[in-house]
Amino acid sequence: MDWEIKDKELIKLYETGKSKKFRIQKYVLEKFFIRIQQIEAANTIHDLWQTSSLKFKYLESEKIYSMRIDGKYRLEIEVEWENDEKTIGKFNIINLSNHYED
């Protein structure tokens, strides 16, 4: 699937591994890159749903999708659907959030 990062600081994190906004541990950064690879490798949204460890789901209250990075962090994603079945689309990564806000 196609993807794009929409947040400037998240782009910086992806390109350089560092960001003032996203101060995360190295293992979280590595998992972030793995999630991007999983999005790229997916042929349809079903490929992501079938991987239960991703906890990939639609958050109706926020009108976005959420994908687990680890037990604490999530990727927040908006999807621009390319077909009527809503199985193929462009993933717009909008945030890397601390799911449990310490």
PDB file of N, CA and C in Angstrom:
ATOM      1  N   MET A   1       0.851  -1.170   0.000  1.00  0.00           N
ATOM      2  CA  MET A   1       0.000   0.000   0.000  1.00  0.00           C
ATOM      3  C   MET A   1       0.899   1.236   0.000  1.00  0.00           C
ATOM      4  N   ASP A   2       0.372   2.292  -0.573  1.00  0.00           N
ATOM      5  CA  ASP A   2       1.086   3.560  -0.558  1.00  0.00           C
ATOM      6  C   ASP A   2       0.926   4.224   0.803  1.00  0.00           C
ATOM      7  N   TRP A   3       1.883   5.052   1.182  1.00  0.00           N
ATOM      8  CA  TRP A   3       1.815   5.739   2.465  1.00  0.00           C
ATOM      9  C   TRP A   3       2.561   7.068   2.371  1.00  0.00           C
ATOM     10  N   GLU A   4       2.233   7.936   3.292  1.00  0.00           N
ATOM     11  CA  GLU A   4       2.888   9.238   3.394  1.00  0.00           C
ATOM     12  C   GLU A   4       2.798   9.690   4.848  1.00  0.00           C
ATOM     13  N   ILE A   5       3.851  10.327   5.313  1.00  0.00           N
ATOM     14  CA  ILE A   5       3.836  10.882   6.662  1.00  0.00           C
ATOM     15  C   ILE A   5       3.438  12.351   6.553  1.00  0.00           C
ATOM     16  N   LYS A   6       2.435  12.760   7.334  1.00  0.00           N
ATOM     17  CA  LYS A   6       1.891  14.109   7.242  1.00  0.00           C
ATOM     18  C   LYS A   6       2.486  15.087   8.270  1.00  0.00           C
ATOM     19  N   ASP A   7       3.008  14.595   9.376  1.00  0.00           N
ATOM     20  CA  ASP A   7       3.545  15.441  10.436  1.00  0.00           C
ATOM     21  C   ASP A   7       5.028  15.733  10.173  1.00  0.00           C
ATOM     22  N   LYS A   8       5.417  17.008  10.200  1.00  0.00           N
ATOM     23  CA  LYS A   8       6.799  17.398   9.874  1.00  0.00           C
ATOM     24  C   LYS A   8       7.817  16.773  10.823  1.00  0.00           C
ATOM     25  N   GLU A   9       7.504  16.739  12.100  1.00  0.00           N
ATOM     26  CA  GLU A   9       8.432  16.157  13.067  1.00  0.00           C
ATOM     27  C   GLU A   9       8.520  14.640  12.901  1.00  0.00           C
ATOM     28  N   LEU A  10       7.437  14.031  12.503  1.00  0.00           N
ATOM     29  CA  LEU A  10       7.450  12.586  12.260  1.00  0.00           C
ATOM     30  C   LEU A  10       8.262  12.267  11.006  1.00  0.00           C
ATOM     31  N   ILE A  11       8.205  13.136  10.010  1.00  0.00           N
ATOM     32  CA  ILE A  11       9.046  12.986   8.812  1.00  0.00           C
ATOM     33  C   ILE A  11      10.512  13.068   9.221  1.00  0.00           C
ATOM     34  N   LYS A  12      10.824  14.040  10.068  1.00  0.00           N
ATOM     35  CA  LYS A  12      12.193  14.208  10.552  1.00  0.00           C
ATOM     36  C   LYS A  12      12.653  12.955  11.304  1.00  0.00           C
ATOM     37  N   LEU A  13      11.777  12.405  12.132  1.00  0.00           N
ATOM     38  CA  LEU A  13      12.091  11.179  12.861  1.00  0.00           C
ATOM     39  C   LEU A  13      12.370  10.041  11.883  1.00  0.00           C
ATOM     40  N   TYR A  14      11.552   9.919  10.859  1.00  0.00           N
ATOM     41  CA  TYR A  14      11.709   8.857   9.866  1.00  0.00           C
ATOM     42  C   TYR A  14      13.015   9.018   9.085  1.00  0.00           C
ATOM     43  N   GLU A  15      13.343  10.244   8.718  1.00  0.00           N
ATOM     44  CA  GLU A  15      14.515  10.492   7.881  1.00  0.00           C
ATOM     45  C   GLU A  15      15.825  10.490   8.655  1.00  0.00           C
ATOM     46  N   THR A  16      15.808  10.969   9.902  1.00  0.00           N
ATOM     47  CA  THR A  16      17.058  11.128  10.652  1.00  0.00           C
ATOM     48  C   THR A  16      17.149  10.261  11.902  1.00  0.00           C
ATOM     49  N   GLY A  17      16.021   9.742  12.353  1.00  0.00           N
ATOM     50  CA  GLY A  17      16.009   8.969  13.585  1.00  0.00           C
ATOM     51  C   GLY A  17      15.916   9.820  14.829  1.00  0.00           C
ATOM     52  N   LYS A  18      15.756  11.144  14.643  1.00  0.00           N
ATOM     53  CA  LYS A  18      15.686  12.067  15.777  1.00  0.00           C
ATOM     54  C   LYS A  18      14.590  13.103  15.546  1.00  0.00           C
ATOM     55  N   SER A  19      13.979  13.540  16.645  1.00  0.00           N
ATOM     56  CA  SER A  19      12.946  14.564  16.581  1.00  0.00           C
ATOM     57  C   SER A  19      12.768  15.168  17.969  1.00  0.00           C
ATOM     58  N   LYS A  20      12.587  16.473  18.025  1.00  0.00           N
ATOM     59  CA  LYS A  20      12.337  17.133  19.314  1.00  0.00           C
ATOM     60  C   LYS A  20      10.973  16.761  19.865  1.00  0.00           C
ATOM     61  N   LYS A  21       9.999  16.597  18.987  1.00  0.00           N
ATOM     62  CA  LYS A  21       8.637  16.279  19.409  1.00  0.00           C
ATOM     63  C   LYS A  21       8.504  14.825  19.855  1.00  0.00           C
ATOM     64  N   PHE A  22       9.162  13.921  19.149  1.00  0.00           N
ATOM     65  CA  PHE A  22       9.041  12.491  19.434  1.00  0.00           C
ATOM     66  C   PHE A  22      10.339  11.982  20.052  1.00  0.00           C
ATOM     67  N   ARG A  23      10.403  12.014  21.345  1.00  0.00           N
ATOM     68  CA  ARG A  23      11.570  11.496  22.068  1.00  0.00           C
ATOM     69  C   ARG A  23      11.249  10.068  22.493  1.00  0.00           C
ATOM     70  N   ILE A  24      11.681   9.147  21.666  1.00  0.00           N
ATOM     71  CA  ILE A  24      11.356   7.743  21.912  1.00  0.00           C
ATOM     72  C   ILE A  24      12.632   6.926  22.018  1.00  0.00           C
ATOM     73  N   GLN A  25      12.505   5.771  22.627  1.00  0.00           N
ATOM     74  CA  GLN A  25      13.640   4.873  22.771  1.00  0.00           C
ATOM     75  C   GLN A  25      13.965   4.217  21.440  1.00  0.00           C
ATOM     76  N   LYS A  26      15.199   3.753  21.330  1.00  0.00           N
ATOM     77  CA  LYS A  26      15.680   3.169  20.072  1.00  0.00           C
ATOM     78  C   LYS A  26      14.830   1.983  19.614  1.00  0.00           C
ATOM     79  N   TYR A  27      14.418   1.130  20.541  1.00  0.00           N
ATOM     80  CA  TYR A  27      13.631  -0.042  20.140  1.00  0.00           C
ATOM     81  C   TYR A  27      12.267   0.381  19.583  1.00  0.00           C
ATOM     82  N   VAL A  28      11.694   1.486  20.070  1.00  0.00           N
ATOM     83  CA  VAL A  28      10.423   1.986  19.542  1.00  0.00           C
ATOM     84  C   VAL A  28      10.635   2.519  18.128  1.00  0.00           C
ATOM     85  N   LEU A  29      11.749   3.207  17.914  1.00  0.00           N
ATOM     86  CA  LEU A  29      12.081   3.710  16.582  1.00  0.00           C
ATOM     87  C   LEU A  29      12.224   2.552  15.596  1.00  0.00           C
ATOM     88  N   GLU A  30      12.883   1.488  16.021  1.00  0.00           N
ATOM     89  CA  GLU A  30      13.035   0.323  15.152  1.00  0.00           C
ATOM     90  C   GLU A  30      11.682  -0.291  14.805  1.00  0.00           C
ATOM     91  N   LYS A  31      10.791  -0.377  15.780  1.00  0.00           N
ATOM     92  CA  LYS A  31       9.453  -0.918  15.517  1.00  0.00           C
ATOM     93  C   LYS A  31       8.649   0.011  14.608  1.00  0.00           C
ATOM     94  N   PHE A  32       8.875   1.320  14.727  1.00  0.00           N
ATOM     95  CA  PHE A  32       8.235   2.297  13.848  1.00  0.00           C
ATOM     96  C   PHE A  32       8.608   1.984  12.388  1.00  0.00           C
ATOM     97  N   PHE A  33       9.893   1.761  12.133  1.00  0.00           N
ATOM     98  CA  PHE A  33      10.338   1.428  10.778  1.00  0.00           C
ATOM     99  C   PHE A  33       9.745   0.098  10.303  1.00  0.00           C
ATOM    100  N   ILE A  34       9.638  -0.853  11.196  1.00  0.00           N
ATOM    101  CA  ILE A  34       9.034  -2.146  10.846  1.00  0.00           C
ATOM    102  C   ILE A  34       7.571  -1.956  10.445  1.00  0.00           C
ATOM    103  N   ARG A  35       6.834  -1.112  11.173  1.00  0.00           N
ATOM    104  CA  ARG A  35       5.427  -0.869  10.837  1.00  0.00           C
ATOM    105  C   ARG A  35       5.297  -0.232   9.454  1.00  0.00           C
ATOM    106  N   ILE A  36       6.189   0.690   9.118  1.00  0.00           N
ATOM    107  CA  ILE A  36       6.165   1.301   7.779  1.00  0.00           C
ATOM    108  C   ILE A  36       6.380   0.210   6.724  1.00  0.00           C
ATOM    109  N   GLN A  37       7.313  -0.685   6.971  1.00  0.00           N
ATOM    110  CA  GLN A  37       7.559  -1.790   6.031  1.00  0.00           C
ATOM    111  C   GLN A  37       6.336  -2.689   5.903  1.00  0.00           C
ATOM    112  N   GLN A  38       5.636  -2.927   7.003  1.00  0.00           N
ATOM    113  CA  GLN A  38       4.433  -3.757   6.951  1.00  0.00           C
ATOM    114  C   GLN A  38       3.335  -3.089   6.137  1.00  0.00           C
ATOM    115  N   ILE A  39       3.205  -1.771   6.273  1.00  0.00           N
ATOM    116  CA  ILE A  39       2.221  -1.032   5.467  1.00  0.00           C
ATOM    117  C   ILE A  39       2.581  -1.150   3.993  1.00  0.00           C
ATOM    118  N   GLU A  40       3.856  -0.949   3.664  1.00  0.00           N
ATOM    119  CA  GLU A  40       4.306  -1.055   2.272  1.00  0.00           C
ATOM    120  C   GLU A  40       4.040  -2.442   1.694  1.00  0.00           C
ATOM    121  N   ALA A  41       4.242  -3.470   2.503  1.00  0.00           N
ATOM    122  CA  ALA A  41       4.105  -4.851   2.027  1.00  0.00           C
ATOM    123  C   ALA A  41       2.653  -5.301   1.887  1.00  0.00           C
ATOM    124  N   ALA A  42       1.734  -4.626   2.545  1.00  0.00           N
ATOM    125  CA  ALA A  42       0.331  -5.030   2.520  1.00  0.00           C
ATOM    126  C   ALA A  42      -0.270  -4.803   1.133  1.00  0.00           C
ATOM    127  N   ASN A  43      -0.982  -5.808   0.643  1.00  0.00           N
ATOM    128  CA  ASN A  43      -1.698  -5.668  -0.622  1.00  0.00           C
ATOM    129  C   ASN A  43      -3.073  -5.049  -0.405  1.00  0.00           C
ATOM    130  N   THR A  44      -3.705  -5.434   0.699  1.00  0.00           N
ATOM    131  CA  THR A  44      -5.005  -4.867   1.070  1.00  0.00           C
ATOM    132  C   THR A  44      -5.000  -4.638   2.578  1.00  0.00           C
ATOM    133  N   ILE A  45      -6.033  -3.974   3.042  1.00  0.00           N
ATOM    134  CA  ILE A  45      -6.153  -3.706   4.473  1.00  0.00           C
ATOM    135  C   ILE A  45      -6.296  -5.003   5.261  1.00  0.00           C
ATOM    136  N   HIS A  46      -6.784  -6.040   4.615  1.00  0.00           N
ATOM    137  CA  HIS A  46      -6.950  -7.336   5.275  1.00  0.00           C
ATOM    138  C   HIS A  46      -5.609  -7.924   5.733  1.00  0.00           C
ATOM    139  N   ASP A  47      -4.544  -7.630   4.994  1.00  0.00           N
ATOM    140  CA  ASP A  47      -3.221  -8.107   5.398  1.00  0.00           C
ATOM    141  C   ASP A  47      -2.827  -7.535   6.759  1.00  0.00           C
ATOM    142  N   LEU A  48      -3.236  -6.326   7.036  1.00  0.00           N
ATOM    143  CA  LEU A  48      -2.920  -5.701   8.326  1.00  0.00           C
ATOM    144  C   LEU A  48      -3.847  -6.214   9.419  1.00  0.00           C
ATOM    145  N   TRP A  49      -5.111  -6.407   9.103  1.00  0.00           N
ATOM    146  CA  TRP A  49      -6.059  -6.937  10.092  1.00  0.00           C
ATOM    147  C   TRP A  49      -5.690  -8.357  10.519  1.00  0.00           C
ATOM    148  N   GLN A  50      -5.118  -9.132   9.613  1.00  0.00           N
ATOM    149  CA  GLN A  50      -4.787 -10.525   9.918  1.00  0.00           C
ATOM    150  C   GLN A  50      -3.612 -10.659  10.881  1.00  0.00           C
ATOM    151  N   THR A  51      -2.827  -9.611  11.034  1.00  0.00           N
ATOM    152  CA  THR A  51      -1.707  -9.634  11.975  1.00  0.00           C
ATOM    153  C   THR A  51      -2.218  -9.093  13.304  1.00  0.00           C
ATOM    154  N   SER A  52      -2.659  -9.983  14.164  1.00  0.00           N
ATOM    155  CA  SER A  52      -3.322  -9.565  15.402  1.00  0.00           C
ATOM    156  C   SER A  52      -2.437  -8.723  16.313  1.00  0.00           C
ATOM    157  N   SER A  53      -1.131  -8.907  16.267  1.00  0.00           N
ATOM    158  CA  SER A  53      -0.232  -8.143  17.133  1.00  0.00           C
ATOM    159  C   SER A  53      -0.216  -6.653  16.804  1.00  0.00           C
ATOM    160  N   LEU A  54      -0.660  -6.285  15.609  1.00  0.00           N
ATOM    161  CA  LEU A  54      -0.712  -4.864  15.238  1.00  0.00           C
ATOM    162  C   LEU A  54      -1.854  -4.127  15.931  1.00  0.00           C
ATOM    163  N   LYS A  55      -2.871  -4.871  16.353  1.00  0.00           N
ATOM    164  CA  LYS A  55      -4.070  -4.245  16.930  1.00  0.00           C
ATOM    165  C   LYS A  55      -4.569  -3.130  16.006  1.00  0.00           C
ATOM    166  N   PHE A  56      -4.544  -3.420  14.695  1.00  0.00           N
ATOM    167  CA  PHE A  56      -4.964  -2.447  13.691  1.00  0.00           C
ATOM    168  C   PHE A  56      -6.476  -2.330  13.731  1.00  0.00           C
ATOM    169  N   LYS A  57      -6.971  -1.132  14.007  1.00  0.00           N
ATOM    170  CA  LYS A  57      -8.420  -0.966  14.113  1.00  0.00           C
ATOM    171  C   LYS A  57      -8.838   0.461  13.795  1.00  0.00           C
ATOM    172  N   TYR A  58     -10.111   0.588  13.488  1.00  0.00           N
ATOM    173  CA  TYR A  58     -10.720   1.887  13.205  1.00  0.00           C
ATOM    174  C   TYR A  58     -11.258   2.461  14.502  1.00  0.00           C
ATOM    175  N   LEU A  59     -10.894   3.695  14.784  1.00  0.00           N
ATOM    176  CA  LEU A  59     -11.391   4.384  15.971  1.00  0.00           C
ATOM    177  C   LEU A  59     -12.514   5.310  15.540  1.00  0.00           C
ATOM    178  N   GLU A  60     -13.734   4.866  15.671  1.00  0.00           N
ATOM    179  CA  GLU A  60     -14.893   5.630  15.201  1.00  0.00           C
ATOM    180  C   GLU A  60     -14.965   7.022  15.805  1.00  0.00           C
ATOM    181  N   SER A  61     -14.661   7.130  17.089  1.00  0.00           N
ATOM    182  CA  SER A  61     -14.784   8.418  17.764  1.00  0.00           C
ATOM    183  C   SER A  61     -13.825   9.461  17.203  1.00  0.00           C
ATOM    184  N   GLU A  62     -12.694   9.004  16.638  1.00  0.00           N
ATOM    185  CA  GLU A  62     -11.702   9.937  16.102  1.00  0.00           C
ATOM    186  C   GLU A  62     -11.614   9.904  14.582  1.00  0.00           C
ATOM    187  N   LYS A  63     -12.335   8.979  13.954  1.00  0.00           N
ATOM    188  CA  LYS A  63     -12.373   8.825  12.499  1.00  0.00           C
ATOM    189  C   LYS A  63     -10.977   8.554  11.909  1.00  0.00           C
ATOM    190  N   ILE A  64     -10.174   7.782  12.644  1.00  0.00           N
ATOM    191  CA  ILE A  64      -8.842   7.401  12.189  1.00  0.00           C
ATOM    192  C   ILE A  64      -8.620   5.922  12.498  1.00  0.00           C
ATOM    193  N   TYR A  65      -7.547   5.390  11.944  1.00  0.00           N
ATOM    194  CA  TYR A  65      -7.118   4.036  12.263  1.00  0.00           C
ATOM    195  C   TYR A  65      -5.941   4.118  13.228  1.00  0.00           C
ATOM    196  N   SER A  66      -5.791   3.075  14.006  1.00  0.00           N
ATOM    197  CA  SER A  66      -4.712   2.984  14.977  1.00  0.00           C
ATOM    198  C   SER A  66      -3.971   1.677  14.757  1.00  0.00           C
ATOM    199  N   MET A  67      -2.639   1.746  14.832  1.00  0.00           N
ATOM    200  CA  MET A  67      -1.807   0.561  14.663  1.00  0.00           C
ATOM    201  C   MET A  67      -0.765   0.547  15.779  1.00  0.00           C
ATOM    202  N   ARG A  68      -0.640  -0.566  16.455  1.00  0.00           N
ATOM    203  CA  ARG A  68       0.289  -0.686  17.577  1.00  0.00           C
ATOM    204  C   ARG A  68       1.746  -0.650  17.099  1.00  0.00           C
ATOM    205  N   ILE A  69       2.535   0.167  17.788  1.00  0.00           N
ATOM    206  CA  ILE A  69       3.990   0.128  17.629  1.00  0.00           C
ATOM    207  C   ILE A  69       4.544  -0.828  18.676  1.00  0.00           C
ATOM    208  N   ASP A  70       4.161  -0.582  19.925  1.00  0.00           N
ATOM    209  CA  ASP A  70       4.455  -1.494  21.026  1.00  0.00           C
ATOM    210  C   ASP A  70       3.342  -1.326  22.049  1.00  0.00           C
ATOM    211  N   GLY A  71       3.535  -1.815  23.257  1.00  0.00           N
ATOM    212  CA  GLY A  71       2.488  -1.728  24.264  1.00  0.00           C
ATOM    213  C   GLY A  71       2.100  -0.319  24.643  1.00  0.00           C
ATOM    214  N   LYS A  72       2.954   0.645  24.360  1.00  0.00           N
ATOM    215  CA  LYS A  72       2.727   2.020  24.781  1.00  0.00           C
ATOM    216  C   LYS A  72       2.419   2.975  23.622  1.00  0.00           C
ATOM    217  N   TYR A  73       3.013   2.752  22.467  1.00  0.00           N
ATOM    218  CA  TYR A  73       2.893   3.690  21.351  1.00  0.00           C
ATOM    219  C   TYR A  73       2.032   3.151  20.217  1.00  0.00           C
ATOM    220  N   ARG A  74       1.338   4.072  19.542  1.00  0.00           N
ATOM    221  CA  ARG A  74       0.471   3.750  18.404  1.00  0.00           C
ATOM    222  C   ARG A  74       0.742   4.715  17.254  1.00  0.00           C
ATOM    223  N   LEU A  75       0.583   4.215  16.043  1.00  0.00           N
ATOM    224  CA  LEU A  75       0.548   5.086  14.865  1.00  0.00           C
ATOM    225  C   LEU A  75      -0.908   5.452  14.623  1.00  0.00           C
ATOM    226  N   GLU A  76      -1.157   6.709  14.331  1.00  0.00           N
ATOM    227  CA  GLU A  76      -2.499   7.151  13.971  1.00  0.00           C
ATOM    228  C   GLU A  76      -2.493   7.447  12.481  1.00  0.00           C
ATOM    229  N   ILE A  77      -3.493   6.894  11.791  1.00  0.00           N
ATOM    230  CA  ILE A  77      -3.484   6.875  10.329  1.00  0.00           C
ATOM    231  C   ILE A  77      -4.848   7.282   9.773  1.00  0.00           C
ATOM    232  N   GLU A  78      -4.821   8.139   8.762  1.00  0.00           N
ATOM    233  CA  GLU A  78      -6.013   8.420   7.958  1.00  0.00           C
ATOM    234  C   GLU A  78      -5.824   7.669   6.641  1.00  0.00           C
ATOM    235  N   VAL A  79      -6.903   7.147   6.087  1.00  0.00           N
ATOM    236  CA  VAL A  79      -6.800   6.378   4.851  1.00  0.00           C
ATOM    237  C   VAL A  79      -7.624   7.048   3.765  1.00  0.00           C
ATOM    238  N   GLU A  80      -6.998   7.251   2.613  1.00  0.00           N
ATOM    239  CA  GLU A  80      -7.693   7.722   1.410  1.00  0.00           C
ATOM    240  C   GLU A  80      -7.979   6.478   0.576  1.00  0.00           C
ATOM    241  N   TRP A  81      -9.229   6.034   0.576  1.00  0.00           N
ATOM    242  CA  TRP A  81      -9.590   4.792  -0.102  1.00  0.00           C
ATOM    243  C   TRP A  81      -9.522   4.952  -1.603  1.00  0.00           C
ATOM    244  N   GLU A  82      -9.022   3.915  -2.276  1.00  0.00           N
ATOM    245  CA  GLU A  82      -8.882   3.911  -3.728  1.00  0.00           C
ATOM    246  C   GLU A  82      -9.910   3.015  -4.405  1.00  0.00           C
ATOM    247  N   ASN A  83     -10.700   2.272  -3.592  1.00  0.00           N
ATOM    248  CA  ASN A  83     -11.738   1.427  -4.181  1.00  0.00           C
ATOM    249  C   ASN A  83     -12.989   1.484  -3.309  1.00  0.00           C
ATOM    250  N   ASP A  84     -14.106   1.082  -3.888  1.00  0.00           N
ATOM    251  CA  ASP A  84     -15.390   1.133  -3.181  1.00  0.00           C
ATOM    252  C   ASP A  84     -15.468   0.150  -2.019  1.00  0.00           C
ATOM    253  N   GLU A  85     -14.721  -0.926  -2.097  1.00  0.00           N
ATOM    254  CA  GLU A  85     -14.736  -1.933  -1.034  1.00  0.00           C
ATOM    255  C   GLU A  85     -13.960  -1.491   0.209  1.00  0.00           C
ATOM    256  N   LYS A  86     -13.218  -0.398   0.079  1.00  0.00           N
ATOM    257  CA  LYS A  86     -12.371   0.131   1.164  1.00  0.00           C
ATOM    258  C   LYS A  86     -11.379  -0.927   1.648  1.00  0.00           C
ATOM    259  N   THR A  87     -10.680  -1.507   0.671  1.00  0.00           N
ATOM    260  CA  THR A  87      -9.644  -2.482   1.009  1.00  0.00           C
ATOM    261  C   THR A  87      -8.253  -2.021   0.569  1.00  0.00           C
ATOM    262  N   ILE A  88      -8.205  -1.065  -0.362  1.00  0.00           N
ATOM    263  CA  ILE A  88      -6.942  -0.541  -0.871  1.00  0.00           C
ATOM    264  C   ILE A  88      -6.983   0.977  -0.752  1.00  0.00           C
ATOM    265  N   GLY A  89      -5.915   1.541  -0.239  1.00  0.00           N
ATOM    266  CA  GLY A  89      -5.885   2.989  -0.089  1.00  0.00           C
ATOM    267  C   GLY A  89      -4.506   3.501   0.251  1.00  0.00           C
ATOM    268  N   LYS A  90      -4.403   4.812   0.295  1.00  0.00           N
ATOM    269  CA  LYS A  90      -3.155   5.467   0.683  1.00  0.00           C
ATOM    270  C   LYS A  90      -3.223   5.760   2.173  1.00  0.00           C
ATOM    271  N   PHE A  91      -2.193   5.343   2.909  1.00  0.00           N
ATOM    272  CA  PHE A  91      -2.126   5.556   4.344  1.00  0.00           C
ATOM    273  C   PHE A  91      -1.404   6.870   4.620  1.00  0.00           C
ATOM    274  N   ASN A  92      -2.110   7.788   5.267  1.00  0.00           N
ATOM    275  CA  ASN A  92      -1.526   9.054   5.685  1.00  0.00           C
ATOM    276  C   ASN A  92      -1.250   8.971   7.180  1.00  0.00           C
ATOM    277  N   ILE A  93       0.021   8.861   7.524  1.00  0.00           N
ATOM    278  CA  ILE A  93       0.413   8.711   8.923  1.00  0.00           C
ATOM    279  C   ILE A  93       0.434  10.095   9.548  1.00  0.00           C
ATOM    280  N   ILE A  94      -0.449  10.302  10.534  1.00  0.00           N
ATOM    281  CA  ILE A  94      -0.622  11.642  11.090  1.00  0.00           C
ATOM    282  C   ILE A  94       0.003  11.838  12.464  1.00  0.00           C
ATOM    283  N   ASN A  95       0.269  10.728  13.173  1.00  0.00           N
ATOM    284  CA  ASN A  95       0.822  10.905  14.513  1.00  0.00           C
ATOM    285  C   ASN A  95       1.399   9.592  15.039  1.00  0.00           C
ATOM    286  N   LEU A  96       2.347   9.739  15.930  1.00  0.00           N
ATOM    287  CA  LEU A  96       2.863   8.652  16.741  1.00  0.00           C
ATOM    288  C   LEU A  96       2.497   9.038  18.161  1.00  0.00           C
ATOM    289  N   SER A  97       1.534   8.335  18.729  1.00  0.00           N
ATOM    290  CA  SER A  97       1.000   8.772  20.020  1.00  0.00           C
ATOM    291  C   SER A  97       1.380   7.831  21.143  1.00  0.00           C
ATOM    292  N   ASN A  98       1.500   8.408  22.317  1.00  0.00           N
ATOM    293  CA  ASN A  98       1.691   7.644  23.541  1.00  0.00           C
ATOM    294  C   ASN A  98       0.300   7.209  23.959  1.00  0.00           C
ATOM    295  N   HIS A  99       0.024   5.948  23.786  1.00  0.00           N
ATOM    296  CA  HIS A  99      -1.329   5.415  23.974  1.00  0.00           C
ATOM    297  C   HIS A  99      -1.831   5.556  25.405  1.00  0.00           C
ATOM    298  N   TYR A 100      -0.922   5.516  26.353  1.00  0.00           N
ATOM    299  CA  TYR A 100      -1.347   5.544  27.750  1.00  0.00           C
ATOM    300  C   TYR A 100      -0.924   6.793  28.488  1.00  0.00           C
ATOM    301  N   GLU A 101      -0.407   7.791  27.787  1.00  0.00           N
ATOM    302  CA  GLU A 101      -0.043   9.089  28.366  1.00  0.00           C
ATOM    303  C   GLU A 101       0.378   9.008  29.819  1.00  0.00           C
ATOM    304  N   ASP A 102       1.652   8.859  30.046  1.00  0.00           N
ATOM    305  CA  ASP A 102       2.174   8.793  31.418  1.00  0.00           C
ATOM    306  C   ASP A 102       1.933  10.063  32.177  1.00  0.00           C
TER     307      ASP A 102
END
